[in-house]
Protein backbone atom coordinates (compact mmCIF):
# COMPACT_ATOMS: atom_id res chain seq x y z
CA UNK A 1 -39.84 -38.85 24.66
CA UNK A 2 -36.41 -37.78 23.54
CA UNK A 3 -34.38 -35.47 25.54
CA UNK A 4 -33.80 -31.99 23.99
CA UNK A 5 -30.16 -31.72 23.41
CA UNK A 6 -27.89 -28.84 24.42
CA UNK A 7 -27.26 -27.85 20.81
CA UNK A 8 -31.04 -27.70 20.22
CA UNK A 9 -31.49 -25.43 23.23
CA UNK A 10 -28.87 -22.94 22.09
CA UNK A 11 -30.49 -23.00 18.59
CA UNK A 12 -33.71 -22.37 19.96
CA UNK A 13 -32.41 -19.57 22.01
CA UNK A 14 -30.59 -18.15 19.14
CA UNK A 15 -32.98 -18.55 16.16
CA UNK A 16 -33.70 -15.28 14.54
CA UNK A 17 -37.31 -14.22 13.85
CA UNK A 18 -37.73 -14.14 9.97
CA UNK A 19 -40.55 -13.28 7.57
CA UNK A 20 -42.18 -15.87 5.43
CA UNK A 21 -40.50 -14.38 2.52
CA UNK A 22 -37.11 -14.82 4.01
CA UNK A 23 -38.04 -18.28 5.27
CA UNK A 24 -38.98 -19.24 1.76
CA UNK A 25 -35.75 -17.92 0.30
CA UNK A 26 -33.95 -19.75 3.07
CA UNK A 27 -35.54 -23.06 2.22
CA UNK A 28 -34.87 -22.59 -1.47
CA UNK A 29 -31.16 -21.54 -0.81
CA UNK A 30 -31.60 -18.03 -2.01
CA UNK A 31 -30.56 -16.35 1.15
CA UNK A 32 -26.83 -15.30 1.43
CA UNK A 33 -25.11 -16.05 4.57
CA UNK A 34 -23.97 -13.18 6.80
CA UNK A 35 -20.52 -11.99 6.82
CA UNK A 36 -19.00 -11.73 10.21
CA UNK A 37 -16.90 -8.56 10.86
CA UNK A 38 -15.05 -7.50 14.02
CA UNK A 39 -12.36 -4.85 14.52
CA UNK A 40 -10.03 -4.42 17.55
CA UNK A 41 -8.52 -1.07 18.11
CA UNK A 42 -5.34 -0.96 20.23
CA UNK A 43 -4.71 1.66 22.78
CA UNK A 44 -2.02 3.41 20.54
CA UNK A 45 -4.79 3.20 17.88
CA UNK A 46 -7.39 4.72 20.11
CA UNK A 47 -5.07 7.62 20.82
CA UNK A 48 -5.47 8.54 17.07
CA UNK A 49 -8.02 10.83 15.57
CA UNK A 50 -10.18 9.04 13.12
CA UNK A 51 -9.71 10.28 9.58
CA UNK A 52 -12.12 12.62 7.75
CA UNK A 53 -12.58 13.95 4.36
CA UNK A 54 -10.75 17.14 5.54
CA UNK A 55 -8.03 15.35 7.24
CA UNK A 56 -7.42 11.91 5.58
CA UNK A 57 -4.92 9.28 6.65
CA UNK A 58 -2.30 8.29 4.26
CA UNK A 59 -1.16 4.73 4.17
CA UNK A 60 1.45 2.47 2.45
CA UNK A 61 -0.03 -0.97 1.55
CA UNK A 62 1.80 -4.26 2.10
CA UNK A 63 0.10 -7.46 0.92
CA UNK A 64 0.54 -10.27 3.35
CA UNK A 65 -0.61 -12.91 0.98
CA UNK A 66 -2.74 -16.18 0.87
CA UNK A 67 -2.90 -18.22 3.93
CA UNK A 68 -4.45 -21.81 4.49
CA UNK A 69 -5.54 -22.52 8.18
CA UNK A 70 -6.54 -26.01 9.04
CA UNK A 71 -7.17 -28.55 6.23
CA UNK A 72 -5.91 -27.69 2.67
CA UNK A 73 -8.48 -27.37 0.08
CA UNK A 74 -6.99 -28.48 -3.43
CA UNK A 75 -7.68 -26.38 -6.56
CA UNK A 76 -9.22 -23.56 -4.62
CA UNK A 77 -9.77 -20.46 -7.03
CA UNK A 78 -7.94 -17.68 -5.48
CA UNK A 79 -8.30 -13.94 -6.30
CA UNK A 80 -5.17 -12.11 -7.53
CA UNK A 81 -3.28 -9.96 -5.17
CA UNK A 82 -3.73 -7.00 -7.59
CA UNK A 83 -7.71 -7.42 -7.46
CA UNK A 84 -7.55 -7.53 -3.70
CA UNK A 85 -5.44 -4.39 -3.59
CA UNK A 86 -7.82 -2.41 -5.86
CA UNK A 87 -10.93 -3.51 -4.07
CA UNK A 88 -9.45 -2.72 -0.69
CA UNK A 89 -8.23 0.77 -1.85
CA UNK A 90 -11.63 1.50 -2.78
CA UNK A 91 -13.27 0.37 0.33
CA UNK A 92 -10.57 2.24 2.55
CA UNK A 93 -11.03 5.35 0.67
CA UNK A 94 -14.79 5.57 1.79
CA UNK A 95 -13.39 5.73 5.32
CA UNK A 96 -10.72 8.44 4.39
CA UNK A 97 -7.74 6.24 4.30
CA UNK A 98 -5.84 7.23 1.13
CA UNK A 99 -3.08 5.30 -0.59
CA UNK A 100 0.26 7.53 -0.37
CA UNK A 101 1.90 8.48 -3.60
CA UNK A 102 4.80 10.88 -4.48
CA UNK A 103 2.17 13.61 -4.79
CA UNK A 104 0.55 13.22 -1.54
CA UNK A 105 1.92 13.68 2.11
CA UNK A 106 4.02 10.66 3.43
CA UNK A 107 2.12 7.87 4.97
CA UNK A 108 1.49 7.65 8.65
CA UNK A 109 0.31 4.09 8.84
CA UNK A 110 1.02 0.72 7.00
CA UNK A 111 -1.93 -1.26 6.06
CA UNK A 112 -1.24 -4.87 5.62
CA UNK A 113 -3.87 -7.59 4.31
CA UNK A 114 -3.97 -11.47 4.38
CA UNK A 115 -6.68 -13.66 2.98
CA UNK A 116 -7.47 -17.27 2.64
CA UNK A 117 -9.30 -20.24 3.72
CA UNK A 118 -10.08 -21.63 7.25
CA UNK A 119 -11.17 -25.15 7.46
CA UNK A 120 -11.49 -26.45 11.12
CA UNK A 121 -11.03 -30.11 10.22
CA UNK A 122 -13.82 -31.70 12.20
CA UNK A 123 -12.96 -35.02 13.80
CA UNK A 124 -15.57 -36.45 16.35
CA UNK A 125 -19.04 -35.79 17.37
CA UNK A 126 -19.43 -34.31 20.97
CA UNK A 127 -22.55 -35.02 23.26
CA UNK A 128 -23.94 -33.72 26.56
CA UNK A 129 -24.42 -37.27 27.36
CA UNK A 130 -22.60 -40.07 25.95
CA UNK A 131 -25.53 -41.33 23.66
CA UNK A 132 -26.23 -37.64 22.45
CA UNK A 133 -24.35 -35.98 19.45
CA UNK A 134 -24.72 -32.25 19.63
CA UNK A 135 -21.76 -30.71 17.90
CA UNK A 136 -18.29 -31.27 16.37
CA UNK A 137 -15.08 -31.53 18.03
CA UNK A 138 -11.99 -29.77 16.27
CA UNK A 139 -8.54 -29.64 17.44
CA UNK A 140 -7.68 -27.12 20.24
CA UNK A 141 -5.12 -25.28 17.98
CA UNK A 142 -7.62 -24.92 15.02
CA UNK A 143 -10.29 -23.81 17.38
CA UNK A 144 -8.49 -21.00 18.69
CA UNK A 145 -7.42 -19.84 15.48
CA UNK A 146 -10.99 -20.12 14.03
CA UNK A 147 -12.60 -18.24 16.97
CA UNK A 148 -9.99 -15.40 16.90
CA UNK A 149 -10.61 -14.83 13.06
CA UNK A 150 -14.43 -15.00 13.36
CA UNK A 151 -14.72 -13.12 16.64
CA UNK A 152 -11.55 -11.44 17.37
CA UNK A 153 -10.43 -10.59 21.01
CA UNK A 154 -14.03 -9.83 22.02
CA UNK A 155 -14.99 -13.41 21.94
CA UNK A 156 -14.66 -15.45 25.17
CA UNK A 157 -15.50 -18.91 26.30
CA UNK A 158 -15.38 -18.23 30.07
CA UNK A 159 -18.54 -19.52 31.76
CA UNK A 160 -21.85 -19.77 30.01
CA UNK A 161 -22.20 -18.38 26.66
CA UNK A 162 -24.86 -16.04 25.34
CA UNK A 163 -26.75 -16.32 22.03
CA UNK A 164 -24.25 -14.23 20.19
CA UNK A 165 -21.27 -16.28 21.32
CA UNK A 166 -23.32 -19.59 20.47
CA UNK A 167 -23.75 -18.27 17.02
CA UNK A 168 -19.93 -17.32 16.71
CA UNK A 169 -19.14 -20.87 17.89
CA UNK A 170 -21.58 -22.40 15.26
CA UNK A 171 -19.99 -20.25 12.63
CA UNK A 172 -16.46 -21.10 13.86
CA UNK A 173 -16.91 -24.73 13.04
CA UNK A 174 -17.74 -24.27 9.39
CA UNK A 175 -15.31 -24.00 6.40
CA UNK A 176 -14.79 -20.16 5.77
CA UNK A 177 -13.09 -17.49 3.57
CA UNK A 178 -11.41 -14.71 5.51
CA UNK A 179 -9.81 -11.23 5.10
CA UNK A 180 -7.44 -9.95 7.71
CA UNK A 181 -6.67 -6.37 7.43
CA UNK A 182 -4.18 -4.58 10.03
CA UNK A 183 -2.71 -1.06 10.46
CA UNK A 184 0.68 -0.30 11.99
CA UNK A 185 2.40 3.02 12.85
CA UNK A 186 4.73 3.76 9.78
CA UNK A 187 7.21 5.92 11.86
CA UNK A 188 7.79 2.89 14.18
CA UNK A 189 7.99 0.47 11.32
CA UNK A 190 10.71 2.42 9.89
CA UNK A 191 12.83 1.63 13.06
CA UNK A 192 12.04 -2.11 12.39
CA UNK A 193 9.49 -2.11 15.26
CA UNK A 194 5.82 -2.98 15.17
CA UNK A 195 3.21 -0.78 16.76
CA UNK A 196 -0.20 -2.25 15.82
CA UNK A 197 -2.98 0.27 15.72
CA UNK A 198 -6.08 -1.91 14.59
CA UNK A 199 -7.18 -5.27 13.20
CA UNK A 200 -10.26 -5.85 11.26
CA UNK A 201 -11.39 -9.50 10.46
CA UNK A 202 -13.97 -10.46 7.92
CA UNK A 203 -15.20 -13.97 7.16
CA UNK A 204 -17.80 -15.80 5.18
CA UNK A 205 -18.84 -19.33 4.75
CA UNK A 206 -17.03 -21.13 1.91
CA UNK A 207 -19.60 -23.81 0.82
CA UNK A 208 -20.51 -23.95 -2.77
CA UNK A 209 -18.37 -20.88 -3.77
CA UNK A 210 -14.87 -19.99 -4.66
CA UNK A 211 -12.88 -17.26 -2.88
CA UNK A 212 -12.57 -15.22 -6.14
CA UNK A 213 -16.42 -15.19 -6.30
CA UNK A 214 -16.85 -13.57 -2.78
CA UNK A 215 -13.67 -11.48 -2.55
CA UNK A 216 -15.68 -8.18 -3.21
CA UNK A 217 -18.24 -9.16 -0.83
CA UNK A 218 -15.53 -9.89 1.73
CA UNK A 219 -13.97 -6.47 1.27
CA UNK A 220 -17.08 -4.50 1.08
CA UNK A 221 -18.53 -6.06 4.39
CA UNK A 222 -15.67 -4.54 6.22
CA UNK A 223 -16.04 -1.14 4.79
CA UNK A 224 -17.73 0.74 7.50
CA UNK A 225 -15.62 -0.99 10.26
CA UNK A 226 -11.88 -0.52 9.04
CA UNK A 227 -10.14 1.10 11.81
CA UNK A 228 -13.41 1.62 13.90
CA UNK A 229 -13.80 -0.38 16.99
CA UNK A 230 -16.83 -2.69 16.82
CA UNK A 231 -18.63 -3.44 20.19
CA UNK A 232 -19.07 -7.06 19.35
CA UNK A 233 -19.10 -9.16 16.25
CA UNK A 234 -21.08 -7.61 13.51
CA UNK A 235 -23.20 -9.80 11.37
CA UNK A 236 -23.58 -8.24 8.01
CA UNK A 237 -26.07 -9.14 5.22
CA UNK A 238 -24.16 -8.89 1.94
CA UNK A 239 -27.45 -8.09 0.02
CA UNK A 240 -27.97 -4.88 1.93
CA UNK A 241 -24.48 -3.60 1.28
CA UNK A 242 -24.46 -3.96 -2.42
CA UNK A 243 -25.48 -1.00 -4.44
CA UNK A 244 -26.87 -1.43 -7.95
CA UNK A 245 -25.06 0.68 -10.55
CA UNK A 246 -27.61 2.64 -12.80
CA UNK A 247 -25.86 3.73 -16.00
CA UNK A 248 -27.52 6.55 -17.85
CA UNK A 249 -27.02 7.29 -21.52
CA UNK A 250 -26.40 10.73 -23.07
CA UNK A 251 -29.12 13.27 -22.41
CA UNK A 252 -31.24 14.26 -25.32
CA UNK A 253 -33.22 17.45 -25.25
CA UNK A 254 -36.45 17.13 -27.07
CA UNK A 255 -37.93 20.51 -27.80
CA UNK A 256 -41.56 21.11 -27.32
CA UNK A 257 -43.74 20.80 -30.26
CA UNK A 258 -44.24 24.30 -31.85
CA UNK A 259 -47.72 25.70 -31.28
CA UNK A 260 -49.95 26.10 -34.35
CA UNK A 261 -50.17 29.43 -35.90
CA UNK A 262 -53.25 31.34 -34.71
CA UNK A 263 -55.98 31.39 -37.40
CA UNK A 264 -55.94 34.51 -39.62
CA UNK A 265 -59.38 36.38 -39.32
CA UNK A 266 -60.88 37.26 -42.74
CA UNK A 267 -62.32 40.75 -42.53
CA UNK A 268 -66.04 40.87 -43.24
CA UNK A 269 -67.20 41.81 -46.70
CA UNK A 270 -69.35 45.11 -46.98
CA UNK A 271 -72.97 44.48 -47.62
CA UNK A 272 -74.13 45.83 -50.92
């Protein structure tokens, strides 16, 4: 009888309970993979009050640009920086982070964003025993980069891993798209110093799609977590965060049908 591999044990422990409909969709390739979101807030960031509708936080936006981590993918269809800026502004506005203009109060934070591809570059198969293949080996440098983007500072490999960490490790060896949004103190930046406040990292598997196709999903998945500490890595179902747009036409008032006139009673004729 074959031995149960270490990866098999991890997958059995980490396999989610799914409905029959979801299992069918999974087999047919109709289920979208989860987006992974994690936010780390620094001590300086935790000292600040969260923005509200009454007291929003105004920011200056600085695009960081496109980055390729790991192996380079040729002919990747990239989203335009202008589109990312628009998508991000809309998502940040829902968290009460507003773009500063000449008509608004001056910005108190600087929001920077980087986006791109992360391709670990699998090399050899690893096994618990010499004759067992249970996973892939990637370079130590790439592995640290991938784990940081996927799991942030909350991920650790010290000691035995739990089911969540096992899933994060599994996600980290896949080719992925990422969006990295960070905030810095504006007053300190004027002095050419950096005071980081928070970092939000979002990633999605890149198999079969272009980054331009999934950019809106990347930005929207991070929506509730921009500037808000996450206890651990959040696994976000993209289908649950999309909202269908319902467009209504002009309202036309149709009057009620007029009631027919009451019948006129004919007076009785006198008898002769």
